[in-house]
């Protein structure tokens, strides 16, 4: 399985020629470094919640117009898709198969946000190997302790590095793919990722320093 990052929380999972795009939000596209044409061959697009750094109607419309991809999401996002006339598959809880991929969906609670209501958010386990909790660090996720790969937020207005690393310490995945960093300058990301590497090396956890467009890992 190959996982490629296109800034912030925009990820492409690829296996046997099949591609799943997660959360093409505005932060990935705002500077023009990432564009919809890069996703012309994706098979499905998964939207985890309504926050604009994960989901923007205009961007999604352009991607599906180019690719013909099916959209997979939850009810709250679905309300906006209904208004825009975009068809979608509702997946909030349970298991669905897409090509060679098994997606196990479940509700997760977004970390607390200042002066904003929490959105409906859907987390995933992909092929029983990758935990994608999106913007959640709730204790119920610890049932996946020891999983192969954690998709981990690394910086956010709703979290500190101490909070983030403490959650990952308890979950203790074998590897970490960092996300949620698209609003930071490259030199700052490099410094913070260096700190994460030093921290997780002590626990025998591989932290992948991916921050350039299209950087990928294989597991």
Protein backbone atom coordinates (compact mmCIF):
# COMPACT_ATOMS: atom_id res chain seq x y z
CA UNK A 1 0.00 0.00 0.00
CA UNK A 2 1.37 3.41 -1.00
CA UNK A 3 0.26 6.57 0.80
CA UNK A 4 1.04 9.97 -0.72
CA UNK A 5 0.55 13.32 0.97
CA UNK A 6 -0.58 16.47 -0.84
CA UNK A 7 -0.18 19.02 1.96
CA UNK A 8 -2.11 19.17 5.21
CA UNK A 9 -4.61 16.28 5.46
CA UNK A 10 -5.00 15.51 1.75
CA UNK A 11 -3.87 11.90 1.22
CA UNK A 12 -3.97 9.35 -1.60
CA UNK A 13 -3.96 5.64 -0.77
CA UNK A 14 -2.96 3.40 -3.68
CA UNK A 15 -3.00 -0.38 -3.99
CA UNK A 16 -3.03 -2.53 -7.14
CA UNK A 17 -3.77 0.54 -9.27
CA UNK A 18 -6.79 1.59 -7.21
CA UNK A 19 -6.70 5.03 -5.56
CA UNK A 20 -8.61 6.57 -2.66
CA UNK A 21 -8.36 10.31 -2.02
CA UNK A 22 -8.99 11.58 1.50
CA UNK A 23 -9.98 15.15 2.43
CA UNK A 24 -8.98 17.51 -0.41
CA UNK A 25 -9.49 20.70 1.62
CA UNK A 26 -8.66 24.34 0.98
CA UNK A 27 -5.28 24.48 2.74
CA UNK A 28 -3.85 22.00 0.24
CA UNK A 29 -5.04 24.04 -2.76
CA UNK A 30 -4.90 27.66 -1.61
CA UNK A 31 -1.41 28.44 -2.96
CA UNK A 32 -1.90 26.61 -6.26
CA UNK A 33 0.79 24.05 -5.44
CA UNK A 34 -1.81 21.28 -5.56
CA UNK A 35 -4.54 21.23 -8.21
CA UNK A 36 -7.54 19.02 -9.08
CA UNK A 37 -5.80 17.62 -12.16
CA UNK A 38 -3.39 15.77 -9.86
CA UNK A 39 -6.30 13.53 -8.87
CA UNK A 40 -7.66 12.70 -12.32
CA UNK A 41 -7.24 8.96 -11.74
CA UNK A 42 -8.67 8.55 -8.24
CA UNK A 43 -11.49 6.04 -7.86
CA UNK A 44 -13.19 7.36 -4.73
CA UNK A 45 -13.01 10.50 -2.61
CA UNK A 46 -13.57 10.20 1.13
CA UNK A 47 -14.64 13.29 3.08
CA UNK A 48 -14.36 12.88 6.86
CA UNK A 49 -16.05 16.09 8.06
CA UNK A 50 -17.24 19.56 7.05
CA UNK A 51 -14.25 21.69 8.09
CA UNK A 52 -12.87 23.56 5.07
CA UNK A 53 -9.31 22.30 5.54
CA UNK A 54 -10.81 18.87 4.76
CA UNK A 55 -13.75 19.67 2.46
CA UNK A 56 -14.70 22.44 0.03
CA UNK A 57 -17.57 21.94 -2.42
CA UNK A 58 -15.88 23.74 -5.34
CA UNK A 59 -12.68 21.72 -5.06
CA UNK A 60 -14.58 18.44 -4.74
CA UNK A 61 -16.74 19.26 -7.78
CA UNK A 62 -13.65 19.87 -9.90
CA UNK A 63 -12.02 16.61 -8.81
CA UNK A 64 -15.06 14.44 -9.48
CA UNK A 65 -15.68 16.18 -12.82
CA UNK A 66 -12.18 15.21 -13.93
CA UNK A 67 -11.98 11.77 -12.35
CA UNK A 68 -15.57 10.52 -12.22
CA UNK A 69 -14.78 9.33 -8.69
CA UNK A 70 -17.46 8.23 -6.26
CA UNK A 71 -17.78 10.31 -3.08
CA UNK A 72 -17.98 8.57 0.31
CA UNK A 73 -18.94 10.56 3.40
CA UNK A 74 -21.23 11.06 6.40
CA UNK A 75 -24.66 12.67 6.88
CA UNK A 76 -23.51 16.17 7.81
CA UNK A 77 -21.27 16.48 4.75
CA UNK A 78 -24.00 14.76 2.76
CA UNK A 79 -26.43 17.60 3.48
CA UNK A 80 -24.13 20.01 1.67
CA UNK A 81 -23.61 17.53 -1.17
CA UNK A 82 -27.39 17.16 -1.53
CA UNK A 83 -27.70 20.94 -1.89
CA UNK A 84 -25.02 20.90 -4.59
CA UNK A 85 -26.55 17.94 -6.43
CA UNK A 86 -23.55 15.68 -5.80
CA UNK A 87 -24.27 11.98 -5.39
CA UNK A 88 -22.49 10.10 -2.62
CA UNK A 89 -22.32 6.86 -0.68
CA UNK A 90 -23.16 7.25 3.00
CA UNK A 91 -20.58 5.53 5.21
CA UNK A 92 -20.62 6.47 8.90
CA UNK A 93 -20.13 3.14 10.61
CA UNK A 94 -19.34 -0.36 9.41
CA UNK A 95 -17.20 -1.95 6.72
CA UNK A 96 -17.21 -1.36 2.97
CA UNK A 97 -14.87 -2.69 0.30
CA UNK A 98 -13.58 -0.59 -2.59
CA UNK A 99 -11.34 -2.45 -5.01
CA UNK A 100 -8.50 -3.94 -2.90
CA UNK A 101 -9.33 -1.66 0.05
CA UNK A 102 -11.30 -2.48 3.17
CA UNK A 103 -12.57 0.63 4.94
CA UNK A 104 -13.85 0.26 8.49
CA UNK A 105 -15.71 3.45 9.39
CA UNK A 106 -16.67 4.66 12.87
CA UNK A 107 -17.72 7.94 14.51
CA UNK A 108 -14.99 9.90 16.27
CA UNK A 109 -15.14 13.11 18.27
CA UNK A 110 -13.21 16.09 16.98
CA UNK A 111 -10.85 17.63 19.53
CA UNK A 112 -12.40 20.64 21.27
CA UNK A 113 -12.39 23.85 19.25
CA UNK A 114 -12.61 27.40 20.62
CA UNK A 115 -16.05 28.97 20.09
CA UNK A 116 -17.12 26.44 17.46
CA UNK A 117 -19.49 23.45 17.54
CA UNK A 118 -17.93 20.06 16.95
CA UNK A 119 -18.68 18.55 13.53
CA UNK A 120 -19.81 15.03 12.78
CA UNK A 121 -16.56 13.26 11.96
CA UNK A 122 -15.83 9.78 10.63
CA UNK A 123 -12.61 7.91 11.35
CA UNK A 124 -11.29 4.91 9.47
CA UNK A 125 -9.14 1.83 9.69
CA UNK A 126 -7.80 0.95 6.24
CA UNK A 127 -7.04 -2.70 5.42
CA UNK A 128 -6.73 -3.45 9.15
CA UNK A 129 -3.32 -1.75 9.10
CA UNK A 130 -3.79 2.03 9.08
CA UNK A 131 -5.67 4.08 11.68
CA UNK A 132 -6.94 7.43 10.41
CA UNK A 133 -8.60 9.13 13.39
CA UNK A 134 -8.69 12.47 11.51
CA UNK A 135 -8.76 15.28 14.13
CA UNK A 136 -9.53 13.06 17.11
CA UNK A 137 -7.42 11.82 19.99
CA UNK A 138 -10.13 10.32 22.14
CA UNK A 139 -9.43 7.39 24.43
CA UNK A 140 -11.67 4.95 22.59
CA UNK A 141 -9.09 4.91 19.78
CA UNK A 142 -6.67 3.14 22.11
CA UNK A 143 -8.39 -0.13 21.25
CA UNK A 144 -6.23 0.03 18.10
CA UNK A 145 -3.03 0.00 20.18
CA UNK A 146 -0.08 -1.44 18.28
CA UNK A 147 -1.54 -0.83 14.82
CA UNK A 148 0.91 -0.70 11.92
CA UNK A 149 0.47 2.99 11.00
CA UNK A 150 -1.14 6.01 12.66
CA UNK A 151 -2.15 9.01 10.55
CA UNK A 152 -1.35 11.63 13.20
CA UNK A 153 -2.14 15.33 13.40
CA UNK A 154 1.08 17.14 14.29
CA UNK A 155 0.03 20.74 14.82
CA UNK A 156 -3.35 22.39 15.30
CA UNK A 157 -5.01 25.27 17.14
CA UNK A 158 -6.90 22.65 19.17
CA UNK A 159 -3.87 20.62 20.26
CA UNK A 160 -0.33 20.89 21.62
CA UNK A 161 2.65 18.68 20.84
CA UNK A 162 2.47 17.39 24.41
CA UNK A 163 -1.16 16.31 23.92
CA UNK A 164 -0.47 14.81 20.49
CA UNK A 165 2.62 12.86 21.51
CA UNK A 166 0.96 11.59 24.70
CA UNK A 167 -1.89 10.13 22.65
CA UNK A 168 0.51 8.49 20.20
CA UNK A 169 2.65 7.17 23.05
CA UNK A 170 -0.37 5.35 24.48
CA UNK A 171 -1.53 4.09 21.09
CA UNK A 172 2.04 2.99 20.27
CA UNK A 173 1.75 2.32 16.52
CA UNK A 174 4.72 0.87 14.68
CA UNK A 175 4.87 3.88 12.35
CA UNK A 176 3.46 7.42 12.13
CA UNK A 177 2.52 9.46 9.06
CA UNK A 178 2.16 13.13 10.08
CA UNK A 179 -0.64 15.35 8.78
CA UNK A 180 -2.44 18.61 9.60
CA UNK A 181 0.56 20.87 9.03
CA UNK A 182 -0.35 22.73 5.83
CA UNK A 183 -0.46 26.21 7.33
CA UNK A 184 3.15 26.09 8.59
CA UNK A 185 6.29 27.16 6.76
CA UNK A 186 8.61 24.37 5.61
CA UNK A 187 11.45 25.38 7.93
CA UNK A 188 9.09 25.24 10.90
CA UNK A 189 7.68 21.84 9.88
CA UNK A 190 11.22 20.48 9.56
CA UNK A 191 12.10 21.66 13.06
CA UNK A 192 8.94 20.28 14.64
CA UNK A 193 9.23 16.97 12.80
CA UNK A 194 12.79 16.70 14.01
CA UNK A 195 11.47 17.00 17.55
CA UNK A 196 8.86 14.31 16.89
CA UNK A 197 11.50 11.99 15.40
CA UNK A 198 13.66 12.36 18.50
CA UNK A 199 10.67 11.68 20.77
CA UNK A 200 9.31 8.62 18.95
CA UNK A 201 12.72 7.06 18.28
CA UNK A 202 12.95 6.44 22.02
CA UNK A 203 9.81 4.29 21.77
CA UNK A 204 10.88 2.42 18.65
CA UNK A 205 8.21 4.14 16.55
CA UNK A 206 9.12 5.18 13.00
CA UNK A 207 8.06 8.79 12.34
CA UNK A 208 8.01 9.56 8.60
CA UNK A 209 9.11 13.11 7.78
CA UNK A 210 6.75 13.79 4.86
CA UNK A 211 5.91 17.40 4.09
CA UNK A 212 6.69 18.00 0.41
CA UNK A 213 3.91 17.65 -2.17
CA UNK A 214 3.54 14.04 -3.24
CA UNK A 215 5.87 12.66 -0.56
CA UNK A 216 4.86 9.05 -0.02
CA UNK A 217 5.50 5.99 2.11
CA UNK A 218 4.86 2.31 1.46
CA UNK A 219 3.71 -0.15 4.09
